[in-house]
Amino acid sequence: MKHAVIETGGKQYRVAEGDVVYVEKLPLADGETVTFDKVLAVLDEDRNLFGTPTVEGASVIGTVVKTGKGRKIRVYKMKPKKNYRRTQGHRQPYTKVQISTIQA
């Protein structure tokens, strides 16, 4: 089975064909095709390619399944004995991508 290590949104992901990954929000609509050109490594059964820093000519192609927001987290700040309390919520946006092919 062929795997690849890609970088997008400041994070690295190990993906295989058919995988579904949640990446940082991309400016694409649902159903569009996305190409990841920053491929750091391609791992195959018979050979491994490692880039310095990226593998030349390699790309990973996927399809945007949906765009949404993650679960809400609560940010709570407090200073004891000063009557200072603040609560804030945050929902991180994401893009759900299904990987279709790995080209190397």
PDB file of N, CA and C in Angstrom:
ATOM      1  N   MET A   1       0.840  -1.174   0.000  1.00  0.00           N
ATOM      2  CA  MET A   1       0.000   0.000   0.000  1.00  0.00           C
ATOM      3  C   MET A   1       0.888   1.241   0.000  1.00  0.00           C
ATOM      4  N   LYS A   2       0.514   2.207  -0.795  1.00  0.00           N
ATOM      5  CA  LYS A   2       1.306   3.419  -0.933  1.00  0.00           C
ATOM      6  C   LYS A   2       0.837   4.473   0.058  1.00  0.00           C
ATOM      7  N   HIS A   3       1.781   5.059   0.787  1.00  0.00           N
ATOM      8  CA  HIS A   3       1.513   6.132   1.731  1.00  0.00           C
ATOM      9  C   HIS A   3       2.300   7.363   1.309  1.00  0.00           C
ATOM     10  N   ALA A   4       1.861   8.526   1.777  1.00  0.00           N
ATOM     11  CA  ALA A   4       2.579   9.771   1.533  1.00  0.00           C
ATOM     12  C   ALA A   4       2.469  10.640   2.774  1.00  0.00           C
ATOM     13  N   VAL A   5       3.484  11.462   2.986  1.00  0.00           N
ATOM     14  CA  VAL A   5       3.463  12.443   4.060  1.00  0.00           C
ATOM     15  C   VAL A   5       3.346  13.806   3.384  1.00  0.00           C
ATOM     16  N   ILE A   6       2.242  14.517   3.667  1.00  0.00           N
ATOM     17  CA  ILE A   6       2.001  15.816   3.049  1.00  0.00           C
ATOM     18  C   ILE A   6       1.986  16.886   4.123  1.00  0.00           C
ATOM     19  N   GLU A   7       2.180  18.123   3.673  1.00  0.00           N
ATOM     20  CA  GLU A   7       2.112  19.265   4.579  1.00  0.00           C
ATOM     21  C   GLU A   7       1.078  20.239   4.051  1.00  0.00           C
ATOM     22  N   THR A   8       0.158  20.632   4.934  1.00  0.00           N
ATOM     23  CA  THR A   8      -0.834  21.637   4.593  1.00  0.00           C
ATOM     24  C   THR A   8      -1.298  22.315   5.874  1.00  0.00           C
ATOM     25  N   GLY A   9      -1.451  23.598   5.827  1.00  0.00           N
ATOM     26  CA  GLY A   9      -1.918  24.345   6.988  1.00  0.00           C
ATOM     27  C   GLY A   9      -0.955  24.323   8.151  1.00  0.00           C
ATOM     28  N   GLY A  10       0.353  24.145   7.876  1.00  0.00           N
ATOM     29  CA  GLY A  10       1.347  24.126   8.931  1.00  0.00           C
ATOM     30  C   GLY A  10       1.432  22.807   9.678  1.00  0.00           C
ATOM     31  N   LYS A  11       0.725  21.784   9.204  1.00  0.00           N
ATOM     32  CA  LYS A  11       0.740  20.475   9.848  1.00  0.00           C
ATOM     33  C   LYS A  11       1.103  19.407   8.822  1.00  0.00           C
ATOM     34  N   GLN A  12       1.584  18.269   9.312  1.00  0.00           N
ATOM     35  CA  GLN A  12       1.947  17.152   8.456  1.00  0.00           C
ATOM     36  C   GLN A  12       0.976  16.006   8.684  1.00  0.00           C
ATOM     37  N   TYR A  13       0.606  15.341   7.585  1.00  0.00           N
ATOM     38  CA  TYR A  13      -0.341  14.238   7.636  1.00  0.00           C
ATOM     39  C   TYR A  13       0.217  13.054   6.852  1.00  0.00           C
ATOM     40  N   ARG A  14       0.053  11.845   7.404  1.00  0.00           N
ATOM     41  CA  ARG A  14       0.395  10.626   6.673  1.00  0.00           C
ATOM     42  C   ARG A  14      -0.900  10.096   6.081  1.00  0.00           C
ATOM     43  N   VAL A  15      -0.951   9.994   4.753  1.00  0.00           N
ATOM     44  CA  VAL A  15      -2.186   9.620   4.074  1.00  0.00           C
ATOM     45  C   VAL A  15      -1.929   8.437   3.147  1.00  0.00           C
ATOM     46  N   ALA A  16      -2.986   7.708   2.866  1.00  0.00           N
ATOM     47  CA  ALA A  16      -2.977   6.626   1.883  1.00  0.00           C
ATOM     48  C   ALA A  16      -4.169   6.846   0.963  1.00  0.00           C
ATOM     49  N   GLU A  17      -4.206   6.126  -0.139  1.00  0.00           N
ATOM     50  CA  GLU A  17      -5.314   6.264  -1.070  1.00  0.00           C
ATOM     51  C   GLU A  17      -6.593   5.763  -0.404  1.00  0.00           C
ATOM     52  N   GLY A  18      -7.642   6.564  -0.477  1.00  0.00           N
ATOM     53  CA  GLY A  18      -8.916   6.213   0.133  1.00  0.00           C
ATOM     54  C   GLY A  18      -9.109   6.769   1.532  1.00  0.00           C
ATOM     55  N   ASP A  19      -8.068   7.365   2.124  1.00  0.00           N
ATOM     56  CA  ASP A  19      -8.175   7.923   3.469  1.00  0.00           C
ATOM     57  C   ASP A  19      -9.021   9.199   3.467  1.00  0.00           C
ATOM     58  N   VAL A  20      -9.622   9.486   4.604  1.00  0.00           N
ATOM     59  CA  VAL A  20     -10.343  10.738   4.819  1.00  0.00           C
ATOM     60  C   VAL A  20      -9.612  11.480   5.931  1.00  0.00           C
ATOM     61  N   VAL A  21      -9.157  12.706   5.633  1.00  0.00           N
ATOM     62  CA  VAL A  21      -8.405  13.490   6.608  1.00  0.00           C
ATOM     63  C   VAL A  21      -9.107  14.834   6.820  1.00  0.00           C
ATOM     64  N   TYR A  22      -8.959  15.341   8.034  1.00  0.00           N
ATOM     65  CA  TYR A  22      -9.484  16.658   8.389  1.00  0.00           C
ATOM     66  C   TYR A  22      -8.295  17.613   8.441  1.00  0.00           C
ATOM     67  N   VAL A  23      -8.250  18.584   7.522  1.00  0.00           N
ATOM     68  CA  VAL A  23      -7.142  19.532   7.443  1.00  0.00           C
ATOM     69  C   VAL A  23      -7.656  20.919   7.784  1.00  0.00           C
ATOM     70  N   GLU A  24      -6.725  21.851   7.955  1.00  0.00           N
ATOM     71  CA  GLU A  24      -7.115  23.235   8.187  1.00  0.00           C
ATOM     72  C   GLU A  24      -7.937  23.732   6.998  1.00  0.00           C
ATOM     73  N   LYS A  25      -8.811  24.686   7.241  1.00  0.00           N
ATOM     74  CA  LYS A  25      -9.765  25.129   6.233  1.00  0.00           C
ATOM     75  C   LYS A  25      -9.083  25.577   4.945  1.00  0.00           C
ATOM     76  N   LEU A  26      -9.585  25.060   3.823  1.00  0.00           N
ATOM     77  CA  LEU A  26      -9.098  25.421   2.495  1.00  0.00           C
ATOM     78  C   LEU A  26     -10.176  26.240   1.783  1.00  0.00           C
ATOM     79  N   PRO A  27      -9.766  27.201   0.941  1.00  0.00           N
ATOM     80  CA  PRO A  27     -10.767  28.046   0.260  1.00  0.00           C
ATOM     81  C   PRO A  27     -11.372  27.360  -0.956  1.00  0.00           C
ATOM     82  N   LEU A  28     -11.995  26.196  -0.759  1.00  0.00           N
ATOM     83  CA  LEU A  28     -12.595  25.424  -1.845  1.00  0.00           C
ATOM     84  C   LEU A  28     -14.018  25.043  -1.460  1.00  0.00           C
ATOM     85  N   ALA A  29     -14.843  24.820  -2.469  1.00  0.00           N
ATOM     86  CA  ALA A  29     -16.225  24.402  -2.235  1.00  0.00           C
ATOM     87  C   ALA A  29     -16.297  22.877  -2.180  1.00  0.00           C
ATOM     88  N   ASP A  30     -17.410  22.383  -1.689  1.00  0.00           N
ATOM     89  CA  ASP A  30     -17.613  20.937  -1.613  1.00  0.00           C
ATOM     90  C   ASP A  30     -17.627  20.329  -3.011  1.00  0.00           C
ATOM     91  N   GLY A  31     -16.954  19.181  -3.154  1.00  0.00           N
ATOM     92  CA  GLY A  31     -16.906  18.490  -4.436  1.00  0.00           C
ATOM     93  C   GLY A  31     -15.741  18.888  -5.320  1.00  0.00           C
ATOM     94  N   GLU A  32     -15.014  19.938  -4.992  1.00  0.00           N
ATOM     95  CA  GLU A  32     -13.879  20.355  -5.796  1.00  0.00           C
ATOM     96  C   GLU A  32     -12.674  19.460  -5.541  1.00  0.00           C
ATOM     97  N   THR A  33     -11.742  19.475  -6.494  1.00  0.00           N
ATOM     98  CA  THR A  33     -10.525  18.685  -6.392  1.00  0.00           C
ATOM     99  C   THR A  33      -9.410  19.546  -5.820  1.00  0.00           C
ATOM    100  N   VAL A  34      -8.648  18.982  -4.898  1.00  0.00           N
ATOM    101  CA  VAL A  34      -7.528  19.688  -4.286  1.00  0.00           C
ATOM    102  C   VAL A  34      -6.258  18.888  -4.563  1.00  0.00           C
ATOM    103  N   THR A  35      -5.168  19.607  -4.865  1.00  0.00           N
ATOM    104  CA  THR A  35      -3.882  18.973  -5.118  1.00  0.00           C
ATOM    105  C   THR A  35      -2.887  19.471  -4.082  1.00  0.00           C
ATOM    106  N   PHE A  36      -2.279  18.536  -3.357  1.00  0.00           N
ATOM    107  CA  PHE A  36      -1.252  18.863  -2.380  1.00  0.00           C
ATOM    108  C   PHE A  36       0.103  18.650  -3.038  1.00  0.00           C
ATOM    109  N   ASP A  37       0.858  19.750  -3.227  1.00  0.00           N
ATOM    110  CA  ASP A  37       2.158  19.672  -3.887  1.00  0.00           C
ATOM    111  C   ASP A  37       3.309  19.521  -2.901  1.00  0.00           C
ATOM    112  N   LYS A  38       3.099  19.869  -1.653  1.00  0.00           N
ATOM    113  CA  LYS A  38       4.153  19.734  -0.643  1.00  0.00           C
ATOM    114  C   LYS A  38       4.142  18.299  -0.112  1.00  0.00           C
ATOM    115  N   VAL A  39       4.756  17.404  -0.864  1.00  0.00           N
ATOM    116  CA  VAL A  39       4.853  16.001  -0.473  1.00  0.00           C
ATOM    117  C   VAL A  39       6.247  15.796   0.104  1.00  0.00           C
ATOM    118  N   LEU A  40       6.315  15.458   1.391  1.00  0.00           N
ATOM    119  CA  LEU A  40       7.598  15.309   2.066  1.00  0.00           C
ATOM    120  C   LEU A  40       8.196  13.928   1.894  1.00  0.00           C
ATOM    121  N   ALA A  41       7.356  12.904   1.742  1.00  0.00           N
ATOM    122  CA  ALA A  41       7.851  11.535   1.568  1.00  0.00           C
ATOM    123  C   ALA A  41       6.783  10.699   0.887  1.00  0.00           C
ATOM    124  N   VAL A  42       7.229   9.722   0.107  1.00  0.00           N
ATOM    125  CA  VAL A  42       6.347   8.738  -0.507  1.00  0.00           C
ATOM    126  C   VAL A  42       6.861   7.369  -0.093  1.00  0.00           C
ATOM    127  N   LEU A  43       6.023   6.603   0.589  1.00  0.00           N
ATOM    128  CA  LEU A  43       6.399   5.301   1.120  1.00  0.00           C
ATOM    129  C   LEU A  43       5.625   4.226   0.378  1.00  0.00           C
ATOM    130  N   ASP A  44       6.366   3.342  -0.309  1.00  0.00           N
ATOM    131  CA  ASP A  44       5.762   2.273  -1.077  1.00  0.00           C
ATOM    132  C   ASP A  44       6.296   0.952  -0.555  1.00  0.00           C
ATOM    133  N   GLU A  45       5.730  -0.155  -1.028  1.00  0.00           N
ATOM    134  CA  GLU A  45       6.183  -1.459  -0.566  1.00  0.00           C
ATOM    135  C   GLU A  45       7.610  -1.770  -1.005  1.00  0.00           C
ATOM    136  N   ASP A  46       7.977  -1.327  -2.204  1.00  0.00           N
ATOM    137  CA  ASP A  46       9.300  -1.676  -2.728  1.00  0.00           C
ATOM    138  C   ASP A  46      10.309  -0.537  -2.679  1.00  0.00           C
ATOM    139  N   ARG A  47       9.847   0.719  -2.594  1.00  0.00           N
ATOM    140  CA  ARG A  47      10.795   1.839  -2.542  1.00  0.00           C
ATOM    141  C   ARG A  47      10.234   2.982  -1.707  1.00  0.00           C
ATOM    142  N   ASN A  48      11.148   3.760  -1.142  1.00  0.00           N
ATOM    143  CA  ASN A  48      10.784   4.914  -0.331  1.00  0.00           C
ATOM    144  C   ASN A  48      11.483   6.139  -0.894  1.00  0.00           C
ATOM    145  N   LEU A  49      10.743   7.230  -1.065  1.00  0.00           N
ATOM    146  CA  LEU A  49      11.305   8.488  -1.549  1.00  0.00           C
ATOM    147  C   LEU A  49      11.153   9.532  -0.453  1.00  0.00           C
ATOM    148  N   PHE A  50      12.257  10.151  -0.095  1.00  0.00           N
ATOM    149  CA  PHE A  50      12.241  11.207   0.908  1.00  0.00           C
ATOM    150  C   PHE A  50      12.738  12.485   0.264  1.00  0.00           C
ATOM    151  N   GLY A  51      12.037  13.583   0.482  1.00  0.00           N
ATOM    152  CA  GLY A  51      12.389  14.847  -0.142  1.00  0.00           C
ATOM    153  C   GLY A  51      13.326  15.669   0.707  1.00  0.00           C
ATOM    154  N   THR A  52      13.974  16.614   0.052  1.00  0.00           N
ATOM    155  CA  THR A  52      14.869  17.544   0.743  1.00  0.00           C
ATOM    156  C   THR A  52      14.533  18.967   0.319  1.00  0.00           C
ATOM    157  N   PRO A  53      13.530  19.608   0.760  1.00  0.00           N
ATOM    158  CA  PRO A  53      12.529  19.190   1.738  1.00  0.00           C
ATOM    159  C   PRO A  53      11.320  18.482   1.128  1.00  0.00           C
ATOM    160  N   THR A  54      11.072  18.628  -0.191  1.00  0.00           N
ATOM    161  CA  THR A  54       9.917  17.963  -0.796  1.00  0.00           C
ATOM    162  C   THR A  54      10.384  17.044  -1.916  1.00  0.00           C
ATOM    163  N   VAL A  55       9.528  16.095  -2.261  1.00  0.00           N
ATOM    164  CA  VAL A  55       9.806  15.167  -3.350  1.00  0.00           C
ATOM    165  C   VAL A  55       9.426  15.862  -4.654  1.00  0.00           C
ATOM    166  N   GLU A  56      10.380  15.921  -5.590  1.00  0.00           N
ATOM    167  CA  GLU A  56      10.145  16.590  -6.874  1.00  0.00           C
ATOM    168  C   GLU A  56       9.156  15.800  -7.720  1.00  0.00           C
ATOM    169  N   GLY A  57       8.162  16.480  -8.254  1.00  0.00           N
ATOM    170  CA  GLY A  57       7.199  15.857  -9.158  1.00  0.00           C
ATOM    171  C   GLY A  57       6.127  15.027  -8.477  1.00  0.00           C
ATOM    172  N   ALA A  58       6.112  14.972  -7.173  1.00  0.00           N
ATOM    173  CA  ALA A  58       5.105  14.181  -6.461  1.00  0.00           C
ATOM    174  C   ALA A  58       3.936  15.068  -6.070  1.00  0.00           C
ATOM    175  N   SER A  59       2.746  14.484  -6.082  1.00  0.00           N
ATOM    176  CA  SER A  59       1.559  15.216  -5.658  1.00  0.00           C
ATOM    177  C   SER A  59       0.523  14.229  -5.132  1.00  0.00           C
ATOM    178  N   VAL A  60      -0.356  14.746  -4.309  1.00  0.00           N
ATOM    179  CA  VAL A  60      -1.452  13.960  -3.756  1.00  0.00           C
ATOM    180  C   VAL A  60      -2.740  14.674  -4.140  1.00  0.00           C
ATOM    181  N   ILE A  61      -3.662  13.925  -4.735  1.00  0.00           N
ATOM    182  CA  ILE A  61      -4.907  14.505  -5.228  1.00  0.00           C
ATOM    183  C   ILE A  61      -6.058  13.977  -4.386  1.00  0.00           C
ATOM    184  N   GLY A  62      -6.933  14.899  -3.980  1.00  0.00           N
ATOM    185  CA  GLY A  62      -8.085  14.518  -3.175  1.00  0.00           C
ATOM    186  C   GLY A  62      -9.306  15.323  -3.559  1.00  0.00           C
ATOM    187  N   THR A  63     -10.425  14.965  -2.963  1.00  0.00           N
ATOM    188  CA  THR A  63     -11.691  15.634  -3.215  1.00  0.00           C
ATOM    189  C   THR A  63     -12.226  16.183  -1.897  1.00  0.00           C
ATOM    190  N   VAL A  64     -12.702  17.423  -1.932  1.00  0.00           N
ATOM    191  CA  VAL A  64     -13.275  18.047  -0.741  1.00  0.00           C
ATOM    192  C   VAL A  64     -14.649  17.431  -0.497  1.00  0.00           C
ATOM    193  N   VAL A  65     -14.818  16.814   0.663  1.00  0.00           N
ATOM    194  CA  VAL A  65     -16.094  16.207   1.019  1.00  0.00           C
ATOM    195  C   VAL A  65     -17.003  17.248   1.645  1.00  0.00           C
ATOM    196  N   LYS A  66     -16.483  17.985   2.639  1.00  0.00           N
ATOM    197  CA  LYS A  66     -17.279  19.042   3.245  1.00  0.00           C
ATOM    198  C   LYS A  66     -16.376  19.991   4.011  1.00  0.00           C
ATOM    199  N   THR A  67     -16.909  21.159   4.306  1.00  0.00           N
ATOM    200  CA  THR A  67     -16.233  22.157   5.110  1.00  0.00           C
ATOM    201  C   THR A  67     -17.126  22.445   6.312  1.00  0.00           C
ATOM    202  N   GLY A  68     -16.515  22.508   7.484  1.00  0.00           N
ATOM    203  CA  GLY A  68     -17.326  22.734   8.670  1.00  0.00           C
ATOM    204  C   GLY A  68     -16.505  23.283   9.812  1.00  0.00           C
ATOM    205  N   LYS A  69     -17.085  23.218  11.008  1.00  0.00           N
ATOM    206  CA  LYS A  69     -16.419  23.675  12.218  1.00  0.00           C
ATOM    207  C   LYS A  69     -16.341  22.523  13.202  1.00  0.00           C
ATOM    208  N   GLY A  70     -15.255  22.482  13.972  1.00  0.00           N
ATOM    209  CA  GLY A  70     -15.074  21.442  14.971  1.00  0.00           C
ATOM    210  C   GLY A  70     -15.913  21.700  16.208  1.00  0.00           C
ATOM    211  N   ARG A  71     -15.724  20.857  17.211  1.00  0.00           N
ATOM    212  CA  ARG A  71     -16.451  21.018  18.465  1.00  0.00           C
ATOM    213  C   ARG A  71     -15.990  22.271  19.188  1.00  0.00           C
ATOM    214  N   LYS A  72     -16.900  22.853  19.953  1.00  0.00           N
ATOM    215  CA  LYS A  72     -16.573  24.074  20.674  1.00  0.00           C
ATOM    216  C   LYS A  72     -15.692  23.752  21.877  1.00  0.00           C
ATOM    217  N   ILE A  73     -14.649  24.566  22.046  1.00  0.00           N
ATOM    218  CA  ILE A  73     -13.836  24.479  23.253  1.00  0.00           C
ATOM    219  C   ILE A  73     -14.071  25.750  24.060  1.00  0.00           C
ATOM    220  N   ARG A  74     -13.964  25.632  25.347  1.00  0.00           N
ATOM    221  CA  ARG A  74     -14.156  26.770  26.238  1.00  0.00           C
ATOM    222  C   ARG A  74     -12.801  27.294  26.683  1.00  0.00           C
ATOM    223  N   VAL A  75     -12.604  28.592  26.542  1.00  0.00           N
ATOM    224  CA  VAL A  75     -11.398  29.256  27.017  1.00  0.00           C
ATOM    225  C   VAL A  75     -11.809  30.058  28.241  1.00  0.00           C
ATOM    226  N   TYR A  76     -11.217  29.757  29.394  1.00  0.00           N
ATOM    227  CA  TYR A  76     -11.605  30.390  30.653  1.00  0.00           C
ATOM    228  C   TYR A  76     -10.388  31.056  31.268  1.00  0.00           C
ATOM    229  N   LYS A  77     -10.522  32.342  31.560  1.00  0.00           N
ATOM    230  CA  LYS A  77      -9.457  33.109  32.204  1.00  0.00           C
ATOM    231  C   LYS A  77      -9.948  33.572  33.566  1.00  0.00           C
ATOM    232  N   MET A  78      -9.059  33.514  34.551  1.00  0.00           N
ATOM    233  CA  MET A  78      -9.447  33.932  35.889  1.00  0.00           C
ATOM    234  C   MET A  78      -8.227  34.427  36.644  1.00  0.00           C
ATOM    235  N   LYS A  79      -8.417  35.519  37.364  1.00  0.00           N
ATOM    236  CA  LYS A  79      -7.384  36.009  38.266  1.00  0.00           C
ATOM    237  C   LYS A  79      -7.962  35.955  39.676  1.00  0.00           C
ATOM    238  N   PRO A  80      -7.395  35.123  40.515  1.00  0.00           N
ATOM    239  CA  PRO A  80      -7.984  34.958  41.849  1.00  0.00           C
ATOM    240  C   PRO A  80      -7.911  36.247  42.676  1.00  0.00           C
ATOM    241  N   LYS A  81      -8.930  36.427  43.504  1.00  0.00           N
ATOM    242  CA  LYS A  81      -9.044  37.563  44.440  1.00  0.00           C
ATOM    243  C   LYS A  81      -9.170  38.914  43.748  1.00  0.00           C
ATOM    244  N   LYS A  82      -9.361  38.965  42.431  1.00  0.00           N
ATOM    245  CA  LYS A  82      -9.496  40.236  41.713  1.00  0.00           C
ATOM    246  C   LYS A  82     -10.842  40.362  41.004  1.00  0.00           C
ATOM    247  N   ASN A  83     -11.724  39.372  41.173  1.00  0.00           N
ATOM    248  CA  ASN A  83     -13.045  39.379  40.553  1.00  0.00           C
ATOM    249  C   ASN A  83     -12.954  39.512  39.032  1.00  0.00           C
ATOM    250  N   TYR A  84     -11.998  38.799  38.419  1.00  0.00           N
ATOM    251  CA  TYR A  84     -11.823  38.821  36.962  1.00  0.00           C
ATOM    252  C   TYR A  84     -12.048  37.416  36.433  1.00  0.00           C
ATOM    253  N   ARG A  85     -13.110  37.274  35.665  1.00  0.00           N
ATOM    254  CA  ARG A  85     -13.411  35.984  35.045  1.00  0.00           C
ATOM    255  C   ARG A  85     -13.935  36.232  33.645  1.00  0.00           C
ATOM    256  N   ARG A  86     -13.395  35.508  32.666  1.00  0.00           N
ATOM    257  CA  ARG A  86     -13.823  35.648  31.278  1.00  0.00           C
ATOM    258  C   ARG A  86     -13.959  34.254  30.675  1.00  0.00           C
ATOM    259  N   THR A  87     -15.060  34.031  29.988  1.00  0.00           N
ATOM    260  CA  THR A  87     -15.277  32.778  29.282  1.00  0.00           C
ATOM    261  C   THR A  87     -15.443  33.099  27.798  1.00  0.00           C
ATOM    262  N   GLN A  88     -14.754  32.338  26.976  1.00  0.00           N
ATOM    263  CA  GLN A  88     -14.814  32.548  25.540  1.00  0.00           C
ATOM    264  C   GLN A  88     -14.890  31.188  24.865  1.00  0.00           C
ATOM    265  N   GLY A  89     -15.657  31.067  23.793  1.00  0.00           N
ATOM    266  CA  GLY A  89     -15.753  29.823  23.034  1.00  0.00           C
ATOM    267  C   GLY A  89     -15.012  29.940  21.718  1.00  0.00           C
ATOM    268  N   HIS A  90     -14.581  28.780  21.191  1.00  0.00           N
ATOM    269  CA  HIS A  90     -13.880  28.764  19.902  1.00  0.00           C
ATOM    270  C   HIS A  90     -14.220  27.481  19.170  1.00  0.00           C
ATOM    271  N   ARG A  91     -14.514  27.604  17.870  1.00  0.00           N
ATOM    272  CA  ARG A  91     -14.734  26.447  17.008  1.00  0.00           C
ATOM    273  C   ARG A  91     -13.793  26.569  15.833  1.00  0.00           C
ATOM    274  N   GLN A  92     -12.867  25.622  15.694  1.00  0.00           N
ATOM    275  CA  GLN A  92     -11.860  25.666  14.641  1.00  0.00           C
ATOM    276  C   GLN A  92     -12.456  25.180  13.320  1.00  0.00           C
ATOM    277  N   PRO A  93     -12.350  25.964  12.249  1.00  0.00           N
ATOM    278  CA  PRO A  93     -12.864  25.509  10.954  1.00  0.00           C
ATOM    279  C   PRO A  93     -11.952  24.437  10.354  1.00  0.00           C
ATOM    280  N   TYR A  94     -12.557  23.502   9.604  1.00  0.00           N
ATOM    281  CA  TYR A  94     -11.793  22.419   8.984  1.00  0.00           C
ATOM    282  C   TYR A  94     -12.356  22.123   7.608  1.00  0.00           C
ATOM    283  N   THR A  95     -11.591  21.369   6.830  1.00  0.00           N
ATOM    284  CA  THR A  95     -12.031  20.850   5.547  1.00  0.00           C
ATOM    285  C   THR A  95     -11.794  19.347   5.556  1.00  0.00           C
ATOM    286  N   LYS A  96     -12.827  18.593   5.251  1.00  0.00           N
ATOM    287  CA  LYS A  96     -12.741  17.132   5.195  1.00  0.00           C
ATOM    288  C   LYS A  96     -12.396  16.739   3.762  1.00  0.00           C
ATOM    289  N   VAL A  97     -11.253  16.046   3.589  1.00  0.00           N
ATOM    290  CA  VAL A  97     -10.746  15.696   2.261  1.00  0.00           C
ATOM    291  C   VAL A  97     -10.599  14.184   2.151  1.00  0.00           C
ATOM    292  N   GLN A  98     -11.079  13.620   1.035  1.00  0.00           N
ATOM    293  CA  GLN A  98     -10.868  12.201   0.760  1.00  0.00           C
ATOM    294  C   GLN A  98      -9.765  12.093  -0.285  1.00  0.00           C
ATOM    295  N   ILE A  99      -8.709  11.330   0.048  1.00  0.00           N
ATOM    296  CA  ILE A  99      -7.553  11.182  -0.819  1.00  0.00           C
ATOM    297  C   ILE A  99      -7.888  10.163  -1.906  1.00  0.00           C
ATOM    298  N   SER A 100      -7.645  10.548  -3.175  1.00  0.00           N
ATOM    299  CA  SER A 100      -7.961   9.633  -4.270  1.00  0.00           C
ATOM    300  C   SER A 100      -6.704   8.997  -4.861  1.00  0.00           C
ATOM    301  N   THR A 101      -5.674   9.797  -5.188  1.00  0.00           N
ATOM    302  CA  THR A 101      -4.464   9.216  -5.779  1.00  0.00           C
ATOM    303  C   THR A 101      -3.219   9.856  -5.217  1.00  0.00           C
ATOM    304  N   ILE A 102      -2.149   9.057  -5.207  1.00  0.00           N
ATOM    305  CA  ILE A 102      -0.818   9.521  -4.835  1.00  0.00           C
ATOM    306  C   ILE A 102       0.075   9.319  -6.044  1.00  0.00           C
ATOM    307  N   GLN A 103       0.608  10.421  -6.578  1.00  0.00           N
ATOM    308  CA  GLN A 103       1.454  10.352  -7.766  1.00  0.00           C
ATOM    309  C   GLN A 103       2.889  10.665  -7.383  1.00  0.00           C
ATOM    310  N   ALA A 104       3.810   9.746  -7.758  1.00  0.00           N
ATOM    311  CA  ALA A 104       5.215   9.964  -7.445  1.00  0.00           C
ATOM    312  C   ALA A 104       6.082   9.474  -8.591  1.00  0.00           C
TER     313      ALA A 104
END
